[in-house]
Amino acid sequence: MKKEYLTISQFSALSGISRKNLIYYDKINLFSPKMVSEKGYRLYEENQLDTISVIWILRELGKSIKEIKIYLQERTPEKMLSLFQEEQEQIDKKIRTLKQYKDMLKKRIELTKQADLITIGKITFIQQEKESILISEKINQNYNEALVNFYSIIEQQDIVQGYPIGAIVGKNELSDGQFTNFSYFYINKFAEDKNLLSIKPEGTYAVMYDYCDYNKTEKLYRKMLDELAKNGYEVDGDAYEEYIIDEVAEKNPDQYLVKVMIKVKKMTIG
């Protein structure tokens, strides 16, 4: 039975690789037809579809022509296993990263939609379950250095940037009226290193929203503390400050929407 070959047009249609690329691969000795006819037509065998598909996948994964050529010239089952397992690990890493991008976008979408349902300047009380958060090192005097170090921690934990970063104001700072003297930065994100995780305690929290620029929240905090006293509550823990609308969505800093949560308890009488 006479062996049947595929023309370059047929091979291109079956493989999804353009004629132009097939000709180019042939010229650089990356992937050549099984034979060339007397009239100069490139002819391919069906089993070459497997090889061209792997070349295409490796190119899509970022491998250079040089790297692929070396592999094809030196390929063995052992080298194939090594290369494919390495690429599989890289794909898994990319999938994890893409899932985080999706999660980050979803988080910002939810926060922005939440802004339409918020009553500005009104204190509410909620019951909060305990929640794991990723925190920075203790902030001392150098605010900027602490922020840079926190971004470094985020990167080390393979967490993509873009998640809204909040700040914790300690109970003592609240009592002293030092509302912009942050104790920690945090994000609502799980981390592999358990030592970097802290717990936002369960309990009753007072919540209030307002429009204001970064580090201009003193008026909001004072209003909250006044409202707490009127409602028979006192501070029982730290404050958690985060922005629902920040510079990602709003040009005017005065229109940033901040949310403050303070752990509280009912005042004891007597």
Protein backbone atom coordinates (compact mmCIF):
# COMPACT_ATOMS: atom_id res chain seq x y z
CA MET A 1 0.00 0.00 0.00
CA LYS A 2 1.38 3.34 -1.05
CA LYS A 3 2.20 5.62 1.93
CA GLU A 4 0.00 8.68 2.10
CA TYR A 5 1.50 12.04 3.01
CA LEU A 6 -0.14 15.26 4.09
CA THR A 7 0.39 18.43 2.12
CA ILE A 8 1.47 21.52 4.03
CA SER A 9 -2.07 22.91 3.71
CA GLN A 10 -3.58 19.71 5.14
CA PHE A 11 -0.99 19.54 7.90
CA SER A 12 -1.59 23.20 8.74
CA ALA A 13 -5.35 22.62 8.97
CA LEU A 14 -4.93 19.58 11.23
CA SER A 15 -2.29 21.09 13.52
CA GLY A 16 -3.58 24.65 13.71
CA ILE A 17 -0.09 25.93 12.84
CA SER A 18 -0.04 28.39 9.95
CA ARG A 19 1.74 27.56 6.68
CA LYS A 20 3.98 30.56 7.33
CA ASN A 21 5.13 29.16 10.68
CA LEU A 22 5.64 25.65 9.27
CA ILE A 23 7.84 27.04 6.52
CA TYR A 24 9.74 29.14 9.08
CA TYR A 25 10.27 26.14 11.39
CA ASP A 26 11.61 24.18 8.45
CA LYS A 27 14.05 26.92 7.45
CA ILE A 28 15.53 27.15 10.95
CA ASN A 29 15.71 23.35 11.29
CA LEU A 30 13.30 23.24 14.21
CA PHE A 31 10.64 21.10 12.55
CA SER A 32 10.86 19.80 9.01
CA PRO A 33 8.50 17.83 6.75
CA LYS A 34 9.09 14.11 6.40
CA MET A 35 10.05 14.65 2.77
CA VAL A 36 10.03 17.16 -0.08
CA SER A 37 8.56 16.08 -3.42
CA GLU A 38 10.33 16.38 -6.76
CA LYS A 39 8.29 19.52 -7.36
CA GLY A 40 9.46 21.00 -4.04
CA TYR A 41 6.27 20.43 -2.06
CA ARG A 42 6.65 19.83 1.68
CA LEU A 43 5.00 16.56 2.74
CA TYR A 44 4.27 15.48 6.29
CA GLU A 45 3.33 12.28 8.09
CA GLU A 46 0.37 12.04 10.43
CA ASN A 47 2.51 11.08 13.42
CA GLN A 48 4.35 14.42 13.14
CA LEU A 49 1.22 16.08 14.52
CA ASP A 50 2.29 14.95 18.01
CA THR A 51 5.65 16.67 17.71
CA ILE A 52 4.30 19.93 16.30
CA SER A 53 1.65 20.08 19.02
CA VAL A 54 4.34 19.83 21.71
CA ILE A 55 6.40 22.52 19.97
CA TRP A 56 3.35 24.79 19.94
CA ILE A 57 2.60 24.14 23.62
CA LEU A 58 6.21 24.79 24.65
CA ARG A 59 6.19 28.05 22.68
CA GLU A 60 2.94 29.05 24.41
CA LEU A 61 4.59 28.32 27.75
CA GLY A 62 7.42 30.69 26.93
CA LYS A 63 10.17 28.33 25.79
CA SER A 64 12.53 29.83 23.22
CA ILE A 65 13.17 28.34 19.78
CA LYS A 66 16.70 27.56 20.92
CA GLU A 67 15.51 25.67 24.02
CA ILE A 68 12.97 23.65 22.04
CA LYS A 69 15.50 22.83 19.33
CA ILE A 70 18.00 21.54 21.91
CA TYR A 71 15.31 19.38 23.51
CA LEU A 72 14.20 17.88 20.18
CA GLN A 73 17.77 17.13 19.17
CA GLU A 74 18.60 15.45 22.48
CA ARG A 75 15.21 14.06 23.49
CA THR A 76 14.92 10.87 25.48
CA PRO A 77 12.11 9.60 27.73
CA GLU A 78 14.10 10.82 30.74
CA LYS A 79 14.57 14.32 29.29
CA MET A 80 10.91 14.46 28.34
CA LEU A 81 9.85 13.57 31.90
CA SER A 82 12.16 16.20 33.37
CA LEU A 83 10.99 18.94 31.00
CA PHE A 84 7.30 18.15 31.23
CA GLN A 85 7.31 17.86 35.02
CA GLU A 86 9.09 21.21 35.26
CA GLU A 87 6.55 22.82 32.93
CA GLN A 88 3.69 21.24 34.86
CA GLU A 89 4.97 22.86 38.06
CA GLN A 90 5.19 26.22 36.31
CA ILE A 91 1.64 25.86 35.00
CA ASP A 92 0.37 25.04 38.51
CA LYS A 93 2.12 28.17 39.81
CA LYS A 94 0.55 30.31 37.06
CA ILE A 95 -2.88 28.86 37.84
CA ARG A 96 -2.46 29.74 41.52
CA THR A 97 -1.45 33.28 40.55
CA LEU A 98 -4.37 33.68 38.14
CA LYS A 99 -6.78 32.46 40.82
CA GLN A 100 -5.41 35.14 43.13
CA TYR A 101 -5.84 37.80 40.45
CA LYS A 102 -9.44 36.68 40.06
CA ASP A 103 -9.95 36.69 43.83
CA MET A 104 -8.43 40.18 44.13
CA LEU A 105 -10.66 41.54 41.34
CA LYS A 106 -13.69 39.89 42.93
CA LYS A 107 -12.81 41.47 46.28
CA ARG A 108 -12.58 44.95 44.81
CA ILE A 109 -15.78 44.49 42.83
CA GLU A 110 -17.63 43.42 45.99
CA LEU A 111 -16.24 46.36 47.98
CA THR A 112 -17.22 48.87 45.31
CA LYS A 113 -20.75 47.48 45.03
CA GLN A 114 -20.96 47.51 48.81
CA ALA A 115 -20.43 51.28 48.75
CA ASP A 116 -23.90 51.79 47.26
CA LEU A 117 -25.52 50.09 50.27
CA ILE A 118 -23.65 52.02 52.97
CA THR A 119 -25.07 54.74 55.21
CA ILE A 120 -22.34 57.31 55.78
CA GLY A 121 -21.63 58.54 59.30
CA LYS A 122 -24.00 56.15 61.08
CA ILE A 123 -22.64 53.80 63.72
CA THR A 124 -23.79 50.18 63.65
CA PHE A 125 -22.92 47.19 65.81
CA ILE A 126 -22.16 43.75 64.40
CA GLN A 127 -21.12 40.37 65.74
CA GLN A 128 -17.80 39.38 64.16
CA GLU A 129 -16.51 35.83 64.02
CA LYS A 130 -12.79 35.39 64.51
CA GLU A 131 -10.87 35.83 61.28
CA SER A 132 -7.30 35.12 60.19
CA ILE A 133 -5.48 38.10 58.69
CA LEU A 134 -1.96 38.57 57.34
CA ILE A 135 -0.22 41.27 59.37
CA SER A 136 2.97 43.27 59.08
CA GLU A 137 5.71 43.57 61.62
CA LYS A 138 5.02 46.01 64.47
CA ILE A 139 5.16 49.55 63.14
CA ASN A 140 7.53 51.68 65.17
CA GLN A 141 8.65 55.11 64.03
CA ASN A 142 9.37 54.52 60.33
CA TYR A 143 5.96 54.20 58.65
CA ASN A 144 7.32 53.94 55.09
CA GLU A 145 9.89 51.32 56.00
CA ALA A 146 7.19 49.20 57.65
CA LEU A 147 5.02 49.46 54.54
CA VAL A 148 7.90 48.45 52.26
CA ASN A 149 8.66 45.47 54.50
CA PHE A 150 4.99 44.43 54.45
CA TYR A 151 4.92 44.45 50.67
CA SER A 152 8.02 42.27 50.80
CA ILE A 153 6.22 39.82 53.09
CA ILE A 154 3.27 39.73 50.70
CA GLU A 155 5.60 38.91 47.81
CA GLN A 156 7.43 36.23 49.79
CA GLN A 157 4.10 34.52 50.47
CA ASP A 158 3.38 34.44 46.72
CA ILE A 159 0.40 36.73 47.20
CA VAL A 160 -0.29 39.01 44.25
CA GLN A 161 -0.34 42.73 44.88
CA GLY A 162 -3.59 44.62 44.57
CA TYR A 163 -5.46 43.42 47.63
CA PRO A 164 -6.64 46.40 49.72
CA ILE A 165 -4.30 47.00 52.64
CA GLY A 166 -5.78 47.96 55.98
CA ALA A 167 -4.27 49.35 59.15
CA ILE A 168 -4.71 48.45 62.80
CA VAL A 169 -4.88 51.16 65.46
CA GLY A 170 -4.13 49.69 68.87
CA LYS A 171 -6.44 50.01 71.86
CA ASN A 172 -3.93 52.19 73.73
CA GLU A 173 -3.54 54.53 70.75
CA LEU A 174 -7.34 54.85 70.55
CA SER A 175 -7.47 55.80 74.23
CA ASP A 176 -4.71 58.39 73.71
CA GLY A 177 -6.38 59.89 70.62
CA GLN A 178 -3.49 58.85 68.35
CA PHE A 179 -5.78 57.72 65.56
CA THR A 180 -3.18 57.78 62.77
CA ASN A 181 -0.51 56.04 64.83
CA PHE A 182 -0.88 52.59 63.28
CA SER A 183 0.33 49.46 65.04
CA TYR A 184 0.20 47.08 62.06
CA PHE A 185 -0.75 46.84 58.41
CA TYR A 186 -2.90 43.90 57.33
CA ILE A 187 -4.72 42.27 54.46
CA ASN A 188 -7.63 39.86 54.60
CA LYS A 189 -5.67 37.04 53.02
CA PHE A 190 -4.44 33.64 54.12
CA ALA A 191 -0.67 33.01 54.14
CA GLU A 192 1.29 29.77 54.15
CA ASP A 193 3.54 30.98 56.98
CA LYS A 194 1.33 30.69 60.06
CA ASN A 195 3.73 32.93 62.02
CA LEU A 196 2.64 35.86 59.86
CA LEU A 197 -1.04 35.36 60.62
CA SER A 198 -2.93 37.10 63.35
CA ILE A 199 -6.51 36.75 64.52
CA LYS A 200 -9.11 39.48 64.36
CA PRO A 201 -10.94 38.44 67.54
CA GLU A 202 -14.58 37.48 67.61
CA GLY A 203 -16.96 39.72 69.43
CA THR A 204 -18.97 42.92 69.09
CA TYR A 205 -17.64 45.58 66.74
CA ALA A 206 -18.76 49.14 66.15
CA VAL A 207 -18.66 50.04 62.45
CA MET A 208 -18.76 53.41 60.73
CA TYR A 209 -18.07 54.64 57.20
CA ASP A 210 -17.04 58.07 55.97
CA TYR A 211 -15.45 59.86 53.03
CA CYS A 212 -11.93 61.05 53.71
CA ASP A 213 -8.34 60.97 52.48
CA TYR A 214 -5.71 58.69 53.97
CA ASN A 215 -4.50 59.74 57.43
CA LYS A 216 -7.35 62.25 57.77
CA THR A 217 -9.62 60.02 59.80
CA GLU A 218 -9.39 61.79 63.17
CA LYS A 219 -12.89 63.30 62.83
CA LEU A 220 -14.36 59.85 62.10
CA TYR A 221 -12.67 58.23 65.11
CA ARG A 222 -13.76 60.99 67.48
CA LYS A 223 -17.33 60.73 66.23
CA MET A 224 -17.26 56.96 66.76
CA LEU A 225 -15.96 57.28 70.30
CA ASP A 226 -18.67 59.84 71.11
CA GLU A 227 -21.35 57.55 69.66
CA LEU A 228 -19.99 54.59 71.62
CA ALA A 229 -20.36 56.50 74.88
CA LYS A 230 -23.91 57.58 73.97
CA ASN A 231 -24.87 53.96 73.24
CA GLY A 232 -23.33 52.60 76.45
CA TYR A 233 -20.27 50.97 74.88
CA GLU A 234 -16.54 51.23 75.52
CA VAL A 235 -13.46 50.24 73.56
CA ASP A 236 -12.51 46.60 74.15
CA GLY A 237 -9.78 46.09 71.54
CA ASP A 238 -8.13 47.42 68.44
CA ALA A 239 -9.56 49.34 65.50
CA TYR A 240 -9.38 47.96 61.96
CA GLU A 241 -9.30 50.59 59.23
CA GLU A 242 -9.70 49.79 55.55
CA TYR A 243 -10.78 51.58 52.41
CA ILE A 244 -13.85 50.49 50.49
CA ILE A 245 -13.15 53.04 47.75
CA ASP A 246 -9.51 54.06 47.31
CA GLU A 247 -7.33 55.57 44.60
CA VAL A 248 -7.86 52.54 42.37
CA ALA A 249 -11.45 53.69 41.74
CA GLU A 250 -11.52 57.37 42.72
CA LYS A 251 -9.41 60.33 41.58
CA ASN A 252 -10.49 62.69 44.35
CA PRO A 253 -8.86 61.71 47.68
CA ASP A 254 -11.66 63.41 49.60
CA GLN A 255 -14.04 60.84 48.10
CA TYR A 256 -12.14 57.80 49.35
CA LEU A 257 -14.54 55.72 51.43
CA VAL A 258 -13.07 54.42 54.67
CA LYS A 259 -14.50 51.77 56.98
CA VAL A 260 -13.49 51.60 60.64
CA MET A 261 -14.29 48.67 62.92
CA ILE A 262 -13.59 48.91 66.65
CA LYS A 263 -13.95 46.00 69.06
CA VAL A 264 -16.26 47.11 71.86
CA LYS A 265 -18.18 45.90 74.87
CA LYS A 266 -21.05 47.17 76.97
CA MET A 267 -19.97 49.52 79.76
CA THR A 268 -20.02 48.04 83.22
CA ILE A 269 -22.07 50.04 85.70
CA GLY A 270 -20.99 50.54 89.26
